[in-house]
Amino acid sequence: MAIQPPSWAKNAVPTPNGWQEPRTGELLKSQRLTQEDIDVYNGVEVSAPAPTPAHVPEPVVEEVIVQQLNEAPQNNVSLDDMSKTQLEAVGRQHGVELDRRKSKTALLAELKTLTE
């Protein structure tokens, strides 16, 4: 259904906020109007939406380098016998930042996944 100006204001122009007097800009009737309704009233042809591009860029895949822990443990202590601080130090030596807020079991599991 096409919008119509108020019967008492034939020269009113539609705006998103309602009908305005064209010379003074005074709002004559407050009414929410969509841009589509305004375009139809003004005789503006609505163009078709722009087509989506056919080329979709490939996702970027980062290469992960796995480094095996081959060296002897510090002070001849196995990973299972190390403290969380020591485990963090071993991780740093191999370029891995461990979060000491995690449990010791979780830290060991993270280090052991590097050795696989």
C-alpha atoms as a PDB file:
ATOM      1  CA  MET A   1       0.000   0.000   0.000  1.00  0.00           C
ATOM      2  CA  ALA A   2       1.446   3.359  -1.032  1.00  0.00           C
ATOM      3  CA  ILE A   3       1.832   6.079   1.550  1.00  0.00           C
ATOM      4  CA  GLN A   4      -0.247   9.240   1.273  1.00  0.00           C
ATOM      5  CA  PRO A   5       0.415  12.703   2.719  1.00  0.00           C
ATOM      6  CA  PRO A   6      -2.072  14.079   5.232  1.00  0.00           C
ATOM      7  CA  SER A   7      -5.201  15.415   3.507  1.00  0.00           C
ATOM      8  CA  TRP A   8      -4.661  18.888   4.997  1.00  0.00           C
ATOM      9  CA  ALA A   9      -0.997  19.093   3.840  1.00  0.00           C
ATOM     10  CA  LYS A  10      -0.867  18.313   0.097  1.00  0.00           C
ATOM     11  CA  ASN A  11       2.692  19.704  -0.386  1.00  0.00           C
ATOM     12  CA  ALA A  12       4.224  17.637   2.432  1.00  0.00           C
ATOM     13  CA  VAL A  13       7.262  15.499   1.636  1.00  0.00           C
ATOM     14  CA  PRO A  14       7.949  12.117   3.259  1.00  0.00           C
ATOM     15  CA  THR A  15      10.957  11.620   5.531  1.00  0.00           C
ATOM     16  CA  PRO A  16      11.885   8.711   7.841  1.00  0.00           C
ATOM     17  CA  ASN A  17      10.461  10.759  10.746  1.00  0.00           C
ATOM     18  CA  GLY A  18       7.181  11.640   9.050  1.00  0.00           C
ATOM     19  CA  TRP A  19       5.753  14.311   6.729  1.00  0.00           C
ATOM     20  CA  GLN A  20       7.578  17.653   6.480  1.00  0.00           C
ATOM     21  CA  GLU A  21       6.705  21.026   4.981  1.00  0.00           C
ATOM     22  CA  PRO A  22       9.203  21.372   2.078  1.00  0.00           C
ATOM     23  CA  ARG A  23       9.975  25.091   2.481  1.00  0.00           C
ATOM     24  CA  THR A  24      10.399  25.342   6.237  1.00  0.00           C
ATOM     25  CA  GLY A  25      11.293  21.746   7.163  1.00  0.00           C
ATOM     26  CA  GLU A  26       8.605  21.779   9.835  1.00  0.00           C
ATOM     27  CA  LEU A  27       7.404  18.323  10.827  1.00  0.00           C
ATOM     28  CA  LEU A  28       3.698  18.291   9.992  1.00  0.00           C
ATOM     29  CA  LYS A  29       2.861  14.725  10.958  1.00  0.00           C
ATOM     30  CA  SER A  30       5.066  12.387  12.957  1.00  0.00           C
ATOM     31  CA  GLN A  31       5.048   8.944  11.393  1.00  0.00           C
ATOM     32  CA  ARG A  32       7.680   6.267  10.844  1.00  0.00           C
ATOM     33  CA  LEU A  33       8.213   5.747   7.117  1.00  0.00           C
ATOM     34  CA  THR A  34      10.585   3.210   5.591  1.00  0.00           C
ATOM     35  CA  GLN A  35      13.030   4.212   2.880  1.00  0.00           C
ATOM     36  CA  GLU A  36      11.259   1.789   0.534  1.00  0.00           C
ATOM     37  CA  ASP A  37       7.925   3.595   1.081  1.00  0.00           C
ATOM     38  CA  ILE A  38       9.595   6.954   0.501  1.00  0.00           C
ATOM     39  CA  ASP A  39      11.248   5.709  -2.711  1.00  0.00           C
ATOM     40  CA  VAL A  40       7.940   4.348  -4.031  1.00  0.00           C
ATOM     41  CA  TYR A  41       6.190   7.658  -3.243  1.00  0.00           C
ATOM     42  CA  ASN A  42       8.935   9.638  -5.036  1.00  0.00           C
ATOM     43  CA  GLY A  43       8.957   7.241  -8.017  1.00  0.00           C
ATOM     44  CA  VAL A  44      12.528   6.045  -7.440  1.00  0.00           C
ATOM     45  CA  GLU A  45      13.210   2.634  -8.962  1.00  0.00           C
ATOM     46  CA  VAL A  46      14.733   0.186  -6.555  1.00  0.00           C
ATOM     47  CA  SER A  47      17.782  -1.498  -8.067  1.00  0.00           C
ATOM     48  CA  ALA A  48      18.531  -5.160  -7.493  1.00  0.00           C
ATOM     49  CA  PRO A  49      21.055  -5.884  -4.752  1.00  0.00           C
ATOM     50  CA  ALA A  50      24.643  -6.196  -5.892  1.00  0.00           C
ATOM     51  CA  PRO A  51      25.608  -9.791  -6.653  1.00  0.00           C
ATOM     52  CA  THR A  52      27.924 -11.494  -4.253  1.00  0.00           C
ATOM     53  CA  PRO A  53      31.463 -11.996  -5.553  1.00  0.00           C
ATOM     54  CA  ALA A  54      32.092 -15.376  -7.139  1.00  0.00           C
ATOM     55  CA  HIS A  55      35.650 -15.540  -5.799  1.00  0.00           C
ATOM     56  CA  VAL A  56      35.875 -16.628  -2.181  1.00  0.00           C
ATOM     57  CA  PRO A  57      39.393 -16.300  -0.751  1.00  0.00           C
ATOM     58  CA  GLU A  58      41.048 -19.444   0.557  1.00  0.00           C
ATOM     59  CA  PRO A  59      41.350 -19.622   4.351  1.00  0.00           C
ATOM     60  CA  VAL A  60      44.839 -18.977   5.675  1.00  0.00           C
ATOM     61  CA  VAL A  61      46.352 -22.084   7.228  1.00  0.00           C
ATOM     62  CA  GLU A  62      49.280 -21.553   9.543  1.00  0.00           C
ATOM     63  CA  GLU A  63      51.954 -24.225   9.613  1.00  0.00           C
ATOM     64  CA  VAL A  64      52.568 -25.680  13.045  1.00  0.00           C
ATOM     65  CA  ILE A  65      56.090 -26.850  13.778  1.00  0.00           C
ATOM     66  CA  VAL A  66      56.257 -29.719  16.243  1.00  0.00           C
ATOM     67  CA  GLN A  67      59.481 -29.937  18.187  1.00  0.00           C
ATOM     68  CA  GLN A  68      60.435 -33.135  19.958  1.00  0.00           C
ATOM     69  CA  LEU A  69      61.936 -32.907  23.439  1.00  0.00           C
ATOM     70  CA  ASN A  70      65.018 -35.124  23.096  1.00  0.00           C
ATOM     71  CA  GLU A  71      67.349 -33.712  25.717  1.00  0.00           C
ATOM     72  CA  ALA A  72      67.902 -35.164  29.130  1.00  0.00           C
ATOM     73  CA  PRO A  73      65.724 -33.722  31.879  1.00  0.00           C
ATOM     74  CA  GLN A  74      67.227 -31.102  34.189  1.00  0.00           C
ATOM     75  CA  ASN A  75      69.276 -32.533  37.076  1.00  0.00           C
ATOM     76  CA  ASN A  76      68.347 -36.063  35.993  1.00  0.00           C
ATOM     77  CA  VAL A  77      64.748 -35.498  37.112  1.00  0.00           C
ATOM     78  CA  SER A  78      61.923 -36.921  35.004  1.00  0.00           C
ATOM     79  CA  LEU A  79      59.110 -34.645  33.814  1.00  0.00           C
ATOM     80  CA  ASP A  80      56.729 -36.392  36.247  1.00  0.00           C
ATOM     81  CA  ASP A  81      58.944 -35.457  39.206  1.00  0.00           C
ATOM     82  CA  MET A  82      59.368 -31.757  38.239  1.00  0.00           C
ATOM     83  CA  SER A  83      57.497 -28.899  39.857  1.00  0.00           C
ATOM     84  CA  LYS A  84      55.130 -26.692  37.876  1.00  0.00           C
ATOM     85  CA  THR A  85      57.820 -23.977  37.783  1.00  0.00           C
ATOM     86  CA  GLN A  86      60.363 -26.417  36.397  1.00  0.00           C
ATOM     87  CA  LEU A  87      57.867 -27.655  33.801  1.00  0.00           C
ATOM     88  CA  GLU A  88      57.274 -24.061  32.746  1.00  0.00           C
ATOM     89  CA  ALA A  89      61.042 -23.549  32.333  1.00  0.00           C
ATOM     90  CA  VAL A  90      61.344 -26.685  30.165  1.00  0.00           C
ATOM     91  CA  GLY A  91      58.453 -25.479  28.049  1.00  0.00           C
ATOM     92  CA  ARG A  92      60.100 -22.081  27.543  1.00  0.00           C
ATOM     93  CA  GLN A  93      63.340 -23.754  26.433  1.00  0.00           C
ATOM     94  CA  HIS A  94      61.318 -25.334  23.639  1.00  0.00           C
ATOM     95  CA  GLY A  95      59.332 -22.228  22.701  1.00  0.00           C
ATOM     96  CA  VAL A  96      56.141 -23.196  24.508  1.00  0.00           C
ATOM     97  CA  GLU A  97      54.528 -20.933  27.076  1.00  0.00           C
ATOM     98  CA  LEU A  98      52.777 -22.983  29.769  1.00  0.00           C
ATOM     99  CA  ASP A  99      50.135 -21.545  32.083  1.00  0.00           C
ATOM    100  CA  ARG A 100      51.022 -22.421  35.682  1.00  0.00           C
ATOM    101  CA  ARG A 101      47.422 -21.786  36.722  1.00  0.00           C
ATOM    102  CA  LYS A 102      46.604 -25.159  35.154  1.00  0.00           C
ATOM    103  CA  SER A 103      47.098 -28.391  37.071  1.00  0.00           C
ATOM    104  CA  LYS A 104      50.415 -30.182  36.975  1.00  0.00           C
ATOM    105  CA  THR A 105      48.721 -33.053  35.120  1.00  0.00           C
ATOM    106  CA  ALA A 106      47.528 -30.647  32.409  1.00  0.00           C
ATOM    107  CA  LEU A 107      51.016 -29.139  32.093  1.00  0.00           C
ATOM    108  CA  LEU A 108      52.559 -32.610  31.771  1.00  0.00           C
ATOM    109  CA  ALA A 109      50.020 -33.568  29.133  1.00  0.00           C
ATOM    110  CA  GLU A 110      50.774 -30.403  27.161  1.00  0.00           C
ATOM    111  CA  LEU A 111      54.515 -31.058  27.272  1.00  0.00           C
ATOM    112  CA  LYS A 112      54.069 -34.724  26.359  1.00  0.00           C
ATOM    113  CA  THR A 113      51.974 -33.814  23.296  1.00  0.00           C
ATOM    114  CA  LEU A 114      55.037 -31.946  22.044  1.00  0.00           C
ATOM    115  CA  THR A 115      57.134 -35.078  22.260  1.00  0.00           C
ATOM    116  CA  GLU A 116      54.728 -37.149  20.161  1.00  0.00           C
END
